Amino acid sequence: METRRAFRVDLELIVKCRIDESQRGSFRLIEGDQFDTQAIDISEKGVRVLSRYLIPRGLVLELDIDGKLFGLGHNIKTKSEVRYCETLKGLRKKNRLGLMFLDISEEDRQAIARFVSSNERREHTRIQL
């Protein structure tokens, strides 16, 4: 049974992440507040990424995503909340993070929705439980 609220599609894209300024005092990485991740899928609601860092649920990140893939002439800059982080078995230092967009602009959300719609293979969205 499909339970996701929004269609998503696989992709490969580098996403630049930065710990939100409001949370830098409570959470820090040894190597600083910025890091790159590999996006593995996206929807108009959020993005799933692979990271070498184990990031706690609820942490807010600032994202910088190249907008060219979505037909935009600018980068998508938005805050997101870590909804989950799980360590992948068999992949050393790899964690999968689900990031929910918090303040994405309507223009950027629609561009992602168009991209997803043109690449989606499922016929129906998942039902909400």
Protein backbone atom coordinates (compact mmCIF):
# COMPACT_ATOMS: atom_id res chain seq x y z
CA MET A 1 0.00 0.00 0.00
CA GLU A 2 1.35 3.44 -0.99
CA THR A 3 1.39 5.93 1.95
CA ARG A 4 3.54 8.84 0.75
CA ARG A 5 1.69 12.13 0.41
CA ALA A 6 3.61 13.32 -2.65
CA PHE A 7 5.12 11.67 -5.69
CA ARG A 8 8.90 11.47 -5.69
CA VAL A 9 11.50 10.61 -8.30
CA ASP A 10 15.04 9.33 -8.12
CA LEU A 11 17.86 11.66 -9.07
CA GLU A 12 21.54 12.29 -8.46
CA LEU A 13 22.34 15.79 -7.34
CA ILE A 14 24.68 17.40 -4.81
CA VAL A 15 22.84 19.35 -2.12
CA LYS A 16 24.77 21.83 -0.01
CA CYS A 17 23.65 21.76 3.62
CA ARG A 18 24.33 24.12 6.47
CA ILE A 19 23.13 23.83 10.05
CA ASP A 20 20.52 26.55 10.58
CA GLU A 21 21.82 29.54 12.51
CA SER A 22 19.18 29.06 15.22
CA GLN A 23 20.61 25.61 16.06
CA ARG A 24 24.36 26.10 15.66
CA GLY A 25 24.79 26.48 19.41
CA SER A 26 23.13 23.16 20.18
CA PHE A 27 24.59 21.01 17.38
CA ARG A 28 27.95 21.23 15.65
CA LEU A 29 30.00 19.04 13.37
CA ILE A 30 33.72 18.67 13.97
CA GLU A 31 34.42 19.94 10.46
CA GLY A 32 32.16 23.02 10.65
CA ASP A 33 28.53 23.87 9.97
CA GLN A 34 28.47 23.10 6.23
CA PHE A 35 28.56 19.80 4.35
CA ASP A 36 27.58 18.36 0.99
CA THR A 37 25.15 15.48 0.56
CA GLN A 38 24.05 13.35 -2.38
CA ALA A 39 20.32 13.67 -3.15
CA ILE A 40 18.78 10.33 -4.11
CA ASP A 41 15.16 11.37 -4.60
CA ILE A 42 12.97 14.46 -4.39
CA SER A 43 9.33 15.49 -4.11
CA GLU A 44 7.66 18.85 -3.77
CA LYS A 45 7.57 18.18 0.00
CA GLY A 46 11.22 17.28 0.56
CA VAL A 47 14.38 15.49 -0.48
CA ARG A 48 16.13 12.30 0.59
CA VAL A 49 19.92 12.45 0.78
CA LEU A 50 22.94 10.35 1.65
CA SER A 51 25.33 11.85 4.17
CA ARG A 52 28.44 10.72 5.97
CA TYR A 53 27.07 12.43 9.07
CA LEU A 54 24.51 11.04 11.49
CA ILE A 55 22.19 14.04 11.92
CA PRO A 56 19.55 14.08 14.69
CA ARG A 57 15.86 14.11 13.90
CA GLY A 58 14.33 17.58 14.21
CA LEU A 59 17.49 19.48 13.31
CA VAL A 60 16.87 22.32 10.84
CA LEU A 61 19.21 22.61 7.85
CA GLU A 62 19.56 25.32 5.25
CA LEU A 63 19.69 23.76 1.77
CA ASP A 64 21.18 25.07 -1.45
CA ILE A 65 20.04 23.02 -4.48
CA ASP A 66 21.06 23.68 -8.09
CA GLY A 67 17.87 24.86 -9.81
CA LYS A 68 18.94 24.11 -13.41
CA LEU A 69 17.61 20.54 -13.30
CA PHE A 70 14.19 21.97 -12.43
CA GLY A 71 14.23 24.64 -15.17
CA LEU A 72 15.12 27.48 -12.83
CA GLY A 73 17.67 30.22 -13.39
CA HIS A 74 18.58 30.30 -9.70
CA ASN A 75 19.45 27.89 -6.91
CA ILE A 76 16.70 26.67 -4.60
CA LYS A 77 17.43 27.93 -1.10
CA THR A 78 15.18 26.63 1.64
CA LYS A 79 15.20 25.41 5.19
CA SER A 80 14.36 21.79 5.91
CA GLU A 81 13.76 19.62 8.94
CA VAL A 82 15.44 16.25 9.39
CA ARG A 83 12.49 13.85 9.63
CA TYR A 84 14.64 10.72 9.94
CA CYS A 85 18.23 9.57 9.74
CA GLU A 86 19.19 5.93 9.38
CA THR A 87 22.57 4.28 8.97
CA LEU A 88 22.74 2.08 5.90
CA LYS A 89 24.05 -1.42 6.49
CA GLY A 90 27.05 -2.38 4.43
CA LEU A 91 27.88 1.21 3.48
CA ARG A 92 30.59 2.60 5.71
CA LYS A 93 29.83 6.07 6.99
CA LYS A 94 26.63 6.43 4.95
CA ASN A 95 23.40 7.67 6.45
CA ARG A 96 20.08 8.25 4.69
CA LEU A 97 18.26 11.41 5.75
CA GLY A 98 14.70 12.43 4.96
CA LEU A 99 14.47 16.22 4.79
CA MET A 100 11.12 18.03 4.73
CA PHE A 101 11.07 21.49 3.14
CA LEU A 102 9.92 24.17 5.60
CA ASP A 103 9.91 27.47 3.73
CA ILE A 104 10.35 26.70 0.03
CA SER A 105 9.06 29.40 -2.30
CA GLU A 106 5.97 28.64 -4.34
CA GLU A 107 7.94 29.11 -7.58
CA ASP A 108 10.56 26.57 -6.50
CA ARG A 109 7.93 24.12 -5.20
CA GLN A 110 6.06 24.26 -8.50
CA ALA A 111 9.28 23.76 -10.50
CA ILE A 112 10.05 20.63 -8.47
CA ALA A 113 6.44 19.44 -8.84
CA ARG A 114 6.67 19.81 -12.64
CA PHE A 115 9.96 17.90 -12.68
CA VAL A 116 8.50 15.11 -10.54
CA SER A 117 5.32 14.95 -12.60
CA SER A 118 7.26 14.61 -15.85
CA ASN A 119 9.46 11.83 -14.40
CA GLU A 120 7.01 9.95 -12.11
CA ARG A 121 6.02 6.43 -13.05
CA ARG A 122 3.33 5.69 -10.44
CA GLU A 123 -0.27 6.41 -11.33
CA HIS A 124 -1.62 7.23 -7.84
CA THR A 125 -0.24 8.97 -4.76
CA ARG A 126 -0.01 6.97 -1.57
CA ILE A 127 -2.96 7.17 0.77
CA GLN A 128 -2.69 8.93 4.09
CA LEU A 129 -3.04 6.62 7.07
